[in-house]
């Protein structure tokens, strides 16, 4: 398959996933006394929510936000194959980084490897995980793939590391990236 055919198919699959995920809505209960936040509400690119890992950043749909330890401040290393599993947290159209109540990390805008604008917290490029289907899911926590380890992001922009007893194992998984 040629590179351009692969890119077109990848873009089509990504657009389909984004459209399908945009069709749902849910409510996330946030920590810090903020009450209920309607996921997908205007102006809400990021917020803070309580999960099994404690308080973490979530996107506008209430899905957990992750960082990749292979990234460097302001630089995403997640390639096209990686982005299929780890979509970026897009920056608001036509705007710089938002200010988010309860988030102490500096929020900035950087570029994904495909050129898309994405948010970063504390310098770390931000992603969601394709296997997180509902608010509060933390299925990407501790996954090792694409040159590093994936961790949920705290409101201070740091990795939230789960106790090893809660980490899932990849026993019985053969090949691929364990997804």
Protein backbone atom coordinates (compact mmCIF):
# COMPACT_ATOMS: atom_id res chain seq x y z
CA UNK A 1 0.00 0.00 0.00
CA UNK A 2 1.44 3.38 -0.92
CA UNK A 3 2.11 6.03 1.70
CA UNK A 4 -0.62 8.32 0.38
CA UNK A 5 -3.23 5.52 0.36
CA UNK A 6 -2.31 4.66 3.95
CA UNK A 7 -2.57 8.33 4.97
CA UNK A 8 -6.01 8.69 3.34
CA UNK A 9 -7.27 5.52 5.03
CA UNK A 10 -5.83 6.64 8.37
CA UNK A 11 -7.48 10.05 8.07
CA UNK A 12 -10.80 8.43 7.15
CA UNK A 13 -10.62 6.04 10.11
CA UNK A 14 -9.68 8.88 12.45
CA UNK A 15 -12.54 11.05 11.21
CA UNK A 16 -14.98 8.18 11.67
CA UNK A 17 -13.76 7.57 15.24
CA UNK A 18 -13.97 11.25 16.10
CA UNK A 19 -17.48 11.54 14.65
CA UNK A 20 -18.67 8.45 16.50
CA UNK A 21 -17.19 9.61 19.80
CA UNK A 22 -18.67 13.09 19.40
CA UNK A 23 -22.20 11.68 19.20
CA UNK A 24 -22.43 10.74 22.88
CA UNK A 25 -22.66 12.93 25.94
CA UNK A 26 -22.22 12.27 29.61
CA UNK A 27 -21.80 13.92 32.97
CA UNK A 28 -18.60 13.88 35.00
CA UNK A 29 -18.54 14.62 38.69
CA UNK A 30 -15.56 16.79 39.36
CA UNK A 31 -13.54 17.02 42.53
CA UNK A 32 -12.79 20.30 44.28
CA UNK A 33 -16.48 21.00 44.86
CA UNK A 34 -17.20 22.03 41.30
CA UNK A 35 -20.30 19.83 41.13
CA UNK A 36 -21.35 18.17 37.91
CA UNK A 37 -19.73 19.20 34.67
CA UNK A 38 -21.67 18.47 31.51
CA UNK A 39 -19.16 16.82 29.20
CA UNK A 40 -18.94 18.55 25.88
CA UNK A 41 -20.18 21.84 27.29
CA UNK A 42 -18.99 25.00 25.48
CA UNK A 43 -15.59 26.27 26.54
CA UNK A 44 -14.74 23.03 28.37
CA UNK A 45 -11.69 21.60 26.62
CA UNK A 46 -10.31 20.22 29.89
CA UNK A 47 -11.56 19.80 33.42
CA UNK A 48 -10.67 17.87 36.57
CA UNK A 49 -12.50 14.71 37.66
CA UNK A 50 -12.18 12.01 40.30
CA UNK A 51 -11.27 8.54 39.05
CA UNK A 52 -9.93 5.34 40.60
CA UNK A 53 -6.53 7.06 40.36
CA UNK A 54 -7.68 10.19 42.18
CA UNK A 55 -8.04 13.60 40.54
CA UNK A 56 -6.99 13.65 36.88
CA UNK A 57 -7.45 15.85 33.83
CA UNK A 58 -10.31 14.86 31.54
CA UNK A 59 -11.30 16.07 28.09
CA UNK A 60 -14.60 17.69 27.10
CA UNK A 61 -16.27 14.25 27.01
CA UNK A 62 -15.03 13.38 30.50
CA UNK A 63 -12.43 10.92 29.23
CA UNK A 64 -9.14 10.57 31.10
CA UNK A 65 -6.19 12.50 29.67
CA UNK A 66 -2.76 10.82 29.46
CA UNK A 67 0.90 11.70 28.86
CA UNK A 68 3.58 9.56 27.22
CA UNK A 69 6.97 9.37 28.95
CA UNK A 70 8.72 9.11 25.54
CA UNK A 71 7.57 12.67 24.75
CA UNK A 72 9.64 15.67 25.73
CA UNK A 73 8.30 19.04 26.90
CA UNK A 74 6.42 20.62 24.01
CA UNK A 75 7.23 17.75 21.61
CA UNK A 76 5.00 14.78 20.74
CA UNK A 77 6.68 11.58 19.59
CA UNK A 78 3.38 9.73 18.98
CA UNK A 79 3.44 8.71 15.28
CA UNK A 80 0.48 7.90 13.00
CA UNK A 81 0.13 4.34 14.32
CA UNK A 82 0.30 5.61 17.90
CA UNK A 83 -2.35 8.28 17.23
CA UNK A 84 -4.81 5.52 16.23
CA UNK A 85 -4.81 4.34 19.86
CA UNK A 86 -3.94 7.64 21.56
CA UNK A 87 -5.84 10.56 19.96
CA UNK A 88 -4.57 14.03 20.83
CA UNK A 89 -6.45 16.46 23.05
CA UNK A 90 -7.08 19.15 20.45
CA UNK A 91 -6.55 22.79 21.27
CA UNK A 92 -9.57 25.09 20.90
CA UNK A 93 -9.97 26.36 17.33
CA UNK A 94 -8.56 29.82 16.78
CA UNK A 95 -7.48 30.23 20.39
CA UNK A 96 -4.42 29.72 22.50
CA UNK A 97 -4.31 27.45 25.50
CA UNK A 98 -7.35 27.80 27.77
CA UNK A 99 -7.37 28.65 31.45
CA UNK A 100 -9.04 25.85 33.40
CA UNK A 101 -10.33 26.13 36.95
CA UNK A 102 -8.61 23.62 39.22
CA UNK A 103 -5.65 23.09 36.87
CA UNK A 104 -2.37 24.48 38.20
CA UNK A 105 -0.20 23.20 35.33
CA UNK A 106 0.69 25.66 32.61
CA UNK A 107 -1.42 24.82 29.55
CA UNK A 108 0.18 25.40 26.16
CA UNK A 109 -0.40 24.45 22.54
CA UNK A 110 2.03 22.24 20.64
CA UNK A 111 1.93 20.18 17.43
CA UNK A 112 1.30 16.48 17.03
CA UNK A 113 3.46 14.50 14.60
CA UNK A 114 0.64 14.81 12.03
CA UNK A 115 0.73 18.62 12.36
CA UNK A 116 -2.52 18.96 14.36
CA UNK A 117 -2.58 21.47 17.20
CA UNK A 118 -2.82 19.80 20.60
CA UNK A 119 -2.81 20.83 24.23
CA UNK A 120 0.08 20.25 26.62
CA UNK A 121 0.03 20.47 30.42
CA UNK A 122 3.26 21.25 32.21
CA UNK A 123 4.94 20.79 28.83
CA UNK A 124 3.56 17.24 28.32
CA UNK A 125 1.51 16.71 25.13
CA UNK A 126 -1.95 15.38 26.05
CA UNK A 127 -3.81 12.36 24.67
CA UNK A 128 -6.87 10.24 25.37
CA UNK A 129 -6.99 6.44 25.02
CA UNK A 130 -9.21 4.78 22.40
CA UNK A 131 -10.19 1.99 24.83
CA UNK A 132 -11.52 4.43 27.45
CA UNK A 133 -15.21 4.42 26.54
CA UNK A 134 -16.84 6.18 29.52
CA UNK A 135 -15.98 8.97 31.95
CA UNK A 136 -13.84 7.59 34.77
CA UNK A 137 -12.24 4.84 32.66
CA UNK A 138 -8.47 4.65 33.19
CA UNK A 139 -7.68 1.72 30.88
CA UNK A 140 -4.56 3.42 29.49
CA UNK A 141 -2.85 3.83 32.85
CA UNK A 142 0.58 2.18 32.94
CA UNK A 143 0.43 0.88 29.34
CA UNK A 144 3.90 0.50 27.88
CA UNK A 145 3.99 1.19 24.16
CA UNK A 146 5.36 3.54 21.53
CA UNK A 147 8.66 3.98 23.35
CA UNK A 148 7.36 4.88 26.79
CA UNK A 149 4.73 4.47 29.48
CA UNK A 150 1.31 6.14 29.49
CA UNK A 151 0.07 7.82 32.66
CA UNK A 152 -3.02 9.83 33.55
CA UNK A 153 -2.24 13.51 34.13
CA UNK A 154 -2.81 15.27 37.45
CA UNK A 155 -4.10 18.87 37.64
CA UNK A 156 -0.48 19.90 38.30
CA UNK A 157 0.61 18.37 34.97
CA UNK A 158 2.44 15.44 36.55
CA UNK A 159 2.03 11.74 35.81
CA UNK A 160 -0.38 9.93 38.13
CA UNK A 161 1.26 6.60 38.85
CA UNK A 162 -1.06 3.85 40.03
CA UNK A 163 0.00 1.30 42.63
CA UNK A 164 1.48 -1.75 40.96
CA UNK A 165 -1.26 -3.96 42.42
CA UNK A 166 -3.89 -2.16 40.29
CA UNK A 167 -1.92 -2.44 37.06
CA UNK A 168 -3.19 -4.96 34.57
CA UNK A 169 -0.84 -7.47 33.05
CA UNK A 170 -0.44 -8.32 29.42
CA UNK A 171 -0.19 -12.09 30.04
CA UNK A 172 -1.49 -14.02 27.10
CA UNK A 173 -1.12 -11.13 24.67
CA UNK A 174 0.96 -12.03 21.65
CA UNK A 175 2.42 -9.48 19.28
CA UNK A 176 1.28 -5.95 18.59
CA UNK A 177 1.09 -3.40 21.34
CA UNK A 178 -1.21 -5.35 23.67
CA UNK A 179 -4.37 -3.50 22.66
